[in-house]
């Protein structure tokens, strides 16, 4: 065990000495500067031609509340004792998830990036 450590230490010492000598000695021949090709220029975005001026659309009319709805019929919460619909429980929930996955595709986080 000690012999293996001694051998590793000697190899590390020799490698370090060779590295230091190489650093002190410097490179044998300097790298040729003119032989390297010039760097590639970066691609720029293409400038789009100016399109014809688009006439501004008139603002959309303000939505009007339906006459058959009043403040008493706009209840958005369900009672605390009410159960979730049966389509979202048990085997029906799995069926809904399978149908949704086939119709909508993979979740955005699992889709490959678009270029």
N, C-alpha and C. Protein backbone atom coordinates (compact mmCIF):
# COMPACT_ATOMS: atom_id res chain seq x y z
N UNK A 1 0.83 -1.17 0.00
CA UNK A 1 0.00 0.00 0.00
C UNK A 1 0.88 1.25 0.00
N UNK A 2 1.91 1.25 0.86
CA UNK A 2 2.80 2.40 0.91
C UNK A 2 3.66 2.47 -0.33
N UNK A 3 3.99 1.33 -0.92
CA UNK A 3 4.80 1.32 -2.13
C UNK A 3 4.03 1.93 -3.29
N UNK A 4 2.74 1.64 -3.38
CA UNK A 4 1.92 2.20 -4.45
C UNK A 4 1.82 3.70 -4.31
N UNK A 5 1.68 4.18 -3.07
CA UNK A 5 1.63 5.62 -2.85
C UNK A 5 2.96 6.27 -3.21
N UNK A 6 4.07 5.62 -2.87
CA UNK A 6 5.40 6.16 -3.18
C UNK A 6 5.60 6.24 -4.69
N UNK A 7 5.14 5.23 -5.42
CA UNK A 7 5.29 5.24 -6.88
C UNK A 7 4.46 6.37 -7.48
N UNK A 8 3.23 6.55 -7.01
CA UNK A 8 2.39 7.63 -7.52
C UNK A 8 2.99 9.00 -7.21
N UNK A 9 3.57 9.15 -6.03
CA UNK A 9 4.19 10.42 -5.66
C UNK A 9 5.38 10.71 -6.55
N UNK A 10 6.21 9.71 -6.86
CA UNK A 10 7.38 9.91 -7.73
C UNK A 10 6.92 10.27 -9.14
N UNK A 11 5.90 9.61 -9.64
CA UNK A 11 5.40 9.92 -10.99
C UNK A 11 4.85 11.35 -11.03
N UNK A 12 4.11 11.76 -10.00
CA UNK A 12 3.58 13.11 -9.95
C UNK A 12 4.70 14.14 -9.87
N UNK A 13 5.77 13.85 -9.12
CA UNK A 13 6.90 14.76 -8.99
C UNK A 13 7.63 14.90 -10.32
N UNK A 14 7.83 13.80 -11.02
CA UNK A 14 8.50 13.85 -12.33
C UNK A 14 7.65 14.62 -13.33
N UNK A 15 6.34 14.41 -13.31
CA UNK A 15 5.46 15.13 -14.24
C UNK A 15 5.48 16.62 -13.94
N UNK A 16 5.48 16.99 -12.65
CA UNK A 16 5.53 18.40 -12.28
C UNK A 16 6.85 19.03 -12.71
N UNK A 17 7.94 18.31 -12.52
CA UNK A 17 9.26 18.83 -12.92
C UNK A 17 9.30 19.02 -14.44
N UNK A 18 8.75 18.08 -15.20
CA UNK A 18 8.75 18.22 -16.66
C UNK A 18 7.88 19.41 -17.07
N UNK A 19 6.80 19.64 -16.37
CA UNK A 19 5.93 20.78 -16.70
C UNK A 19 6.64 22.10 -16.41
N UNK A 20 7.32 22.19 -15.26
CA UNK A 20 8.04 23.42 -14.91
C UNK A 20 9.16 23.69 -15.90
N UNK A 21 9.91 22.66 -16.26
CA UNK A 21 11.00 22.83 -17.24
C UNK A 21 10.44 23.28 -18.57
N UNK A 22 9.32 22.73 -18.99
CA UNK A 22 8.69 23.14 -20.25
C UNK A 22 8.25 24.59 -20.21
N UNK A 23 7.72 25.04 -19.07
CA UNK A 23 7.30 26.44 -18.94
C UNK A 23 8.50 27.38 -18.96
N UNK A 24 9.59 26.99 -18.31
CA UNK A 24 10.78 27.84 -18.29
C UNK A 24 11.44 27.91 -19.65
N UNK A 25 11.44 26.80 -20.34
CA UNK A 25 12.10 26.72 -21.64
C UNK A 25 11.33 27.51 -22.69
N UNK A 26 10.03 27.53 -22.61
CA UNK A 26 9.21 28.25 -23.58
C UNK A 26 8.93 27.36 -24.78
N UNK A 27 8.06 27.83 -25.67
CA UNK A 27 7.75 27.02 -26.85
C UNK A 27 8.94 26.95 -27.80
N UNK A 28 9.06 25.82 -28.50
CA UNK A 28 10.19 25.63 -29.43
C UNK A 28 10.11 26.63 -30.58
N UNK A 29 8.98 26.69 -31.23
CA UNK A 29 8.80 27.62 -32.35
C UNK A 29 7.52 28.40 -32.10
N UNK A 30 7.56 29.70 -32.31
CA UNK A 30 6.33 30.46 -32.11
C UNK A 30 5.30 30.09 -33.17
N UNK A 31 4.06 30.17 -32.80
CA UNK A 31 2.99 29.84 -33.74
C UNK A 31 2.95 30.89 -34.84
N UNK A 32 2.82 30.46 -36.10
CA UNK A 32 2.76 31.43 -37.19
C UNK A 32 1.47 32.24 -37.11
N UNK A 33 1.60 33.54 -37.13
CA UNK A 33 0.43 34.40 -37.00
C UNK A 33 -0.28 34.59 -38.33
N UNK A 34 0.44 34.66 -39.43
CA UNK A 34 -0.17 34.94 -40.72
C UNK A 34 -0.85 33.72 -41.32
N UNK A 35 -0.55 32.55 -40.81
CA UNK A 35 -1.09 31.34 -41.41
C UNK A 35 -2.54 31.08 -41.00
N UNK A 36 -3.00 31.72 -39.95
CA UNK A 36 -4.38 31.47 -39.52
C UNK A 36 -5.34 32.26 -40.40
N UNK A 37 -6.46 31.67 -40.75
CA UNK A 37 -7.41 32.40 -41.60
C UNK A 37 -8.08 33.52 -40.80
N UNK A 38 -8.55 34.53 -41.49
CA UNK A 38 -9.21 35.62 -40.78
C UNK A 38 -10.51 35.11 -40.15
N UNK A 39 -10.94 35.72 -39.06
CA UNK A 39 -12.18 35.25 -38.42
C UNK A 39 -13.38 35.49 -39.32
N UNK A 40 -14.36 34.61 -39.21
CA UNK A 40 -15.56 34.74 -40.02
C UNK A 40 -16.40 35.90 -39.52
N UNK A 41 -17.00 36.61 -40.45
CA UNK A 41 -17.87 37.70 -40.04
C UNK A 41 -19.20 37.14 -39.56
N UNK A 42 -19.80 37.81 -38.63
CA UNK A 42 -21.08 37.35 -38.11
C UNK A 42 -22.18 37.70 -39.09
N UNK A 43 -23.14 36.79 -39.17
CA UNK A 43 -24.28 37.06 -40.05
C UNK A 43 -25.18 38.09 -39.39
N UNK A 44 -25.67 38.99 -40.19
CA UNK A 44 -26.59 40.00 -39.66
C UNK A 44 -27.99 39.66 -40.13
N UNK A 45 -28.96 40.25 -39.48
CA UNK A 45 -30.35 40.02 -39.87
C UNK A 45 -30.63 40.70 -41.19
N UNK A 46 -31.45 40.04 -41.99
CA UNK A 46 -31.85 40.65 -43.24
C UNK A 46 -32.86 41.75 -42.96
N UNK A 47 -32.72 42.83 -43.67
CA UNK A 47 -33.63 43.95 -43.50
C UNK A 47 -34.86 43.67 -44.36
N UNK A 48 -36.01 43.74 -43.74
CA UNK A 48 -37.24 43.52 -44.48
C UNK A 48 -37.64 44.79 -45.21
N UNK A 49 -38.25 44.57 -46.36
CA UNK A 49 -38.75 45.71 -47.09
C UNK A 49 -39.94 46.30 -46.33
N UNK A 50 -40.03 47.60 -46.39
CA UNK A 50 -41.15 48.25 -45.70
C UNK A 50 -42.44 47.89 -46.42
N UNK A 51 -43.39 47.40 -45.67
CA UNK A 51 -44.66 47.01 -46.28
C UNK A 51 -45.55 48.25 -46.42
N UNK A 52 -46.61 48.08 -47.16
CA UNK A 52 -47.54 49.18 -47.36
C UNK A 52 -48.14 49.57 -46.01
N UNK A 53 -48.39 50.86 -45.81
CA UNK A 53 -48.95 51.27 -44.52
C UNK A 53 -50.32 50.62 -44.29
N UNK A 54 -50.49 50.13 -43.11
CA UNK A 54 -51.73 49.44 -42.75
C UNK A 54 -52.65 50.45 -42.07
N UNK A 55 -53.88 50.49 -42.57
CA UNK A 55 -54.85 51.41 -41.96
C UNK A 55 -55.20 50.91 -40.56
N UNK A 56 -55.29 51.82 -39.63
CA UNK A 56 -55.60 51.42 -38.27
C UNK A 56 -57.04 50.95 -38.18
N UNK A 57 -57.23 49.86 -37.45
CA UNK A 57 -58.57 49.33 -37.29
C UNK A 57 -59.29 50.15 -36.22
N UNK A 58 -60.57 50.33 -36.40
CA UNK A 58 -61.29 51.08 -35.36
C UNK A 58 -61.31 50.26 -34.07
N UNK A 59 -61.34 50.91 -32.94
CA UNK A 59 -61.33 50.16 -31.68
C UNK A 59 -62.59 49.31 -31.56
N UNK A 60 -62.40 48.14 -30.95
CA UNK A 60 -63.52 47.22 -30.79
C UNK A 60 -64.55 47.84 -29.84
N UNK A 61 -65.82 47.61 -30.11
CA UNK A 61 -66.83 48.18 -29.21
C UNK A 61 -66.74 47.54 -27.83
N UNK A 62 -67.09 48.30 -26.82
CA UNK A 62 -67.04 47.79 -25.46
C UNK A 62 -68.07 46.69 -25.30
N UNK A 63 -67.70 45.61 -24.60
CA UNK A 63 -68.66 44.50 -24.43
C UNK A 63 -69.85 44.95 -23.58
N UNK A 64 -71.00 44.49 -24.00
CA UNK A 64 -72.23 44.82 -23.29
C UNK A 64 -72.66 43.59 -22.50
N UNK A 65 -73.02 43.78 -21.26
CA UNK A 65 -73.44 42.65 -20.43
C UNK A 65 -74.73 42.06 -20.98
N UNK A 66 -74.83 40.75 -20.92
CA UNK A 66 -76.03 40.08 -21.41
C UNK A 66 -77.21 40.50 -20.54
N UNK A 67 -78.35 40.79 -21.19
CA UNK A 67 -79.50 41.29 -20.41
C UNK A 67 -80.09 40.26 -19.46
N UNK A 68 -79.88 38.94 -19.73
CA UNK A 68 -80.48 37.94 -18.87
C UNK A 68 -79.63 37.65 -17.63
N UNK A 69 -78.44 38.27 -17.52
CA UNK A 69 -77.59 38.06 -16.35
C UNK A 69 -77.63 39.29 -15.47
N UNK A 70 -77.77 39.07 -14.19
CA UNK A 70 -77.69 40.18 -13.26
C UNK A 70 -76.69 39.82 -12.16
N UNK A 71 -76.50 40.67 -11.21
CA UNK A 71 -75.49 40.46 -10.18
C UNK A 71 -75.76 39.19 -9.37
N UNK A 72 -77.01 38.80 -9.23
CA UNK A 72 -77.30 37.62 -8.41
C UNK A 72 -76.99 36.31 -9.14
N UNK A 73 -76.91 36.33 -10.46
CA UNK A 73 -76.66 35.09 -11.19
C UNK A 73 -75.19 34.88 -11.51
N UNK A 74 -74.36 35.83 -11.19
CA UNK A 74 -72.93 35.71 -11.50
C UNK A 74 -72.16 35.14 -10.31
N UNK A 75 -72.50 33.94 -9.90
CA UNK A 75 -71.81 33.27 -8.81
C UNK A 75 -70.69 32.46 -9.41
N UNK A 76 -69.45 32.74 -8.99
CA UNK A 76 -68.31 32.05 -9.60
C UNK A 76 -67.75 30.95 -8.71
N UNK A 77 -68.15 30.87 -7.47
CA UNK A 77 -67.65 29.81 -6.60
C UNK A 77 -68.73 28.77 -6.40
N UNK A 78 -68.31 27.56 -6.16
CA UNK A 78 -69.28 26.51 -5.89
C UNK A 78 -69.30 26.25 -4.40
N UNK A 79 -70.38 25.72 -3.90
CA UNK A 79 -70.46 25.46 -2.46
C UNK A 79 -69.35 24.51 -2.02
N UNK A 80 -68.92 24.61 -0.78
CA UNK A 80 -67.81 23.81 -0.28
C UNK A 80 -68.12 22.33 -0.30
N UNK A 81 -69.41 21.96 -0.15
CA UNK A 81 -69.75 20.54 -0.12
C UNK A 81 -69.91 19.93 -1.49
N UNK A 82 -69.93 20.75 -2.54
CA UNK A 82 -70.16 20.21 -3.88
C UNK A 82 -68.94 19.39 -4.31
N UNK A 83 -69.20 18.30 -4.99
CA UNK A 83 -68.12 17.44 -5.48
C UNK A 83 -67.71 17.87 -6.87
N UNK A 84 -66.47 17.54 -7.21
CA UNK A 84 -66.02 17.81 -8.57
C UNK A 84 -66.81 16.93 -9.53
N UNK A 85 -66.89 17.36 -10.76
CA UNK A 85 -67.66 16.58 -11.72
C UNK A 85 -67.06 15.18 -11.88
N UNK A 86 -67.92 14.22 -12.19
CA UNK A 86 -67.45 12.84 -12.27
C UNK A 86 -66.50 12.62 -13.44
N UNK A 87 -66.54 13.51 -14.43
CA UNK A 87 -65.64 13.30 -15.55
C UNK A 87 -64.18 13.52 -15.16
N UNK A 88 -63.93 14.14 -14.01
CA UNK A 88 -62.57 14.38 -13.56
C UNK A 88 -62.16 13.47 -12.41
N UNK A 89 -62.90 12.40 -12.19
CA UNK A 89 -62.55 11.47 -11.14
C UNK A 89 -62.42 10.08 -11.72
N UNK A 90 -61.52 9.29 -11.15
CA UNK A 90 -61.38 7.88 -11.49
C UNK A 90 -60.94 7.64 -12.92
N UNK A 91 -61.54 6.62 -13.54
CA UNK A 91 -61.16 6.23 -14.90
C UNK A 91 -61.54 7.31 -15.89
N UNK A 92 -62.57 8.09 -15.58
CA UNK A 92 -62.98 9.15 -16.49
C UNK A 92 -61.87 10.21 -16.61
N UNK A 93 -61.16 10.48 -15.52
CA UNK A 93 -60.07 11.46 -15.57
C UNK A 93 -58.95 10.97 -16.47
N UNK A 94 -58.65 9.68 -16.39
CA UNK A 94 -57.61 9.12 -17.26
C UNK A 94 -58.04 9.21 -18.71
N UNK A 95 -59.30 8.93 -18.98
CA UNK A 95 -59.81 9.01 -20.35
C UNK A 95 -59.69 10.45 -20.86
N UNK A 96 -60.08 11.41 -20.02
CA UNK A 96 -59.99 12.81 -20.43
C UNK A 96 -58.54 13.20 -20.71
N UNK A 97 -57.60 12.72 -19.88
CA UNK A 97 -56.19 13.06 -20.06
C UNK A 97 -55.65 12.48 -21.36
N UNK A 98 -56.05 11.24 -21.67
CA UNK A 98 -55.58 10.61 -22.92
C UNK A 98 -56.13 11.36 -24.13
N UNK A 99 -57.41 11.71 -24.08
CA UNK A 99 -58.01 12.45 -25.19
C UNK A 99 -57.35 13.81 -25.34
N UNK A 100 -57.11 14.50 -24.22
CA UNK A 100 -56.48 15.82 -24.28
C UNK A 100 -55.08 15.73 -24.84
N UNK A 101 -54.34 14.70 -24.48
CA UNK A 101 -52.97 14.56 -25.00
C UNK A 101 -52.98 14.31 -26.49
N UNK A 102 -53.94 13.51 -26.98
CA UNK A 102 -53.99 13.25 -28.42
C UNK A 102 -54.44 14.48 -29.18
N UNK A 103 -55.36 15.23 -28.61
CA UNK A 103 -55.86 16.41 -29.31
C UNK A 103 -54.86 17.55 -29.25
N UNK A 104 -54.32 17.82 -28.07
CA UNK A 104 -53.45 18.98 -27.89
C UNK A 104 -51.99 18.69 -28.13
N UNK A 105 -51.57 17.43 -28.10
CA UNK A 105 -50.16 17.10 -28.28
C UNK A 105 -49.42 17.13 -26.95
N UNK A 106 -48.09 17.07 -27.05
CA UNK A 106 -47.26 17.07 -25.86
C UNK A 106 -47.34 18.40 -25.13
N UNK A 107 -47.08 18.40 -23.83
CA UNK A 107 -46.97 19.68 -23.13
C UNK A 107 -45.82 20.50 -23.71
N UNK A 108 -45.90 21.81 -23.59
CA UNK A 108 -44.88 22.68 -24.18
C UNK A 108 -43.50 22.37 -23.65
N UNK A 109 -43.40 21.97 -22.39
CA UNK A 109 -42.09 21.70 -21.82
C UNK A 109 -41.45 20.46 -22.42
N UNK A 110 -42.23 19.58 -23.03
CA UNK A 110 -41.68 18.34 -23.60
C UNK A 110 -41.53 18.42 -25.11
N UNK A 111 -41.94 19.52 -25.72
CA UNK A 111 -41.82 19.63 -27.17
C UNK A 111 -40.42 20.08 -27.56
N UNK A 112 -39.92 19.62 -28.73
CA UNK A 112 -38.60 20.09 -29.16
C UNK A 112 -38.67 21.56 -29.56
N UNK A 113 -37.57 22.27 -29.48
CA UNK A 113 -37.60 23.70 -29.81
C UNK A 113 -37.87 23.91 -31.29
N UNK A 114 -38.59 25.00 -31.59
CA UNK A 114 -38.87 25.36 -32.98
C UNK A 114 -37.87 26.41 -33.43
N UNK A 115 -37.42 26.28 -34.66
CA UNK A 115 -36.46 27.26 -35.20
C UNK A 115 -37.05 28.02 -36.34
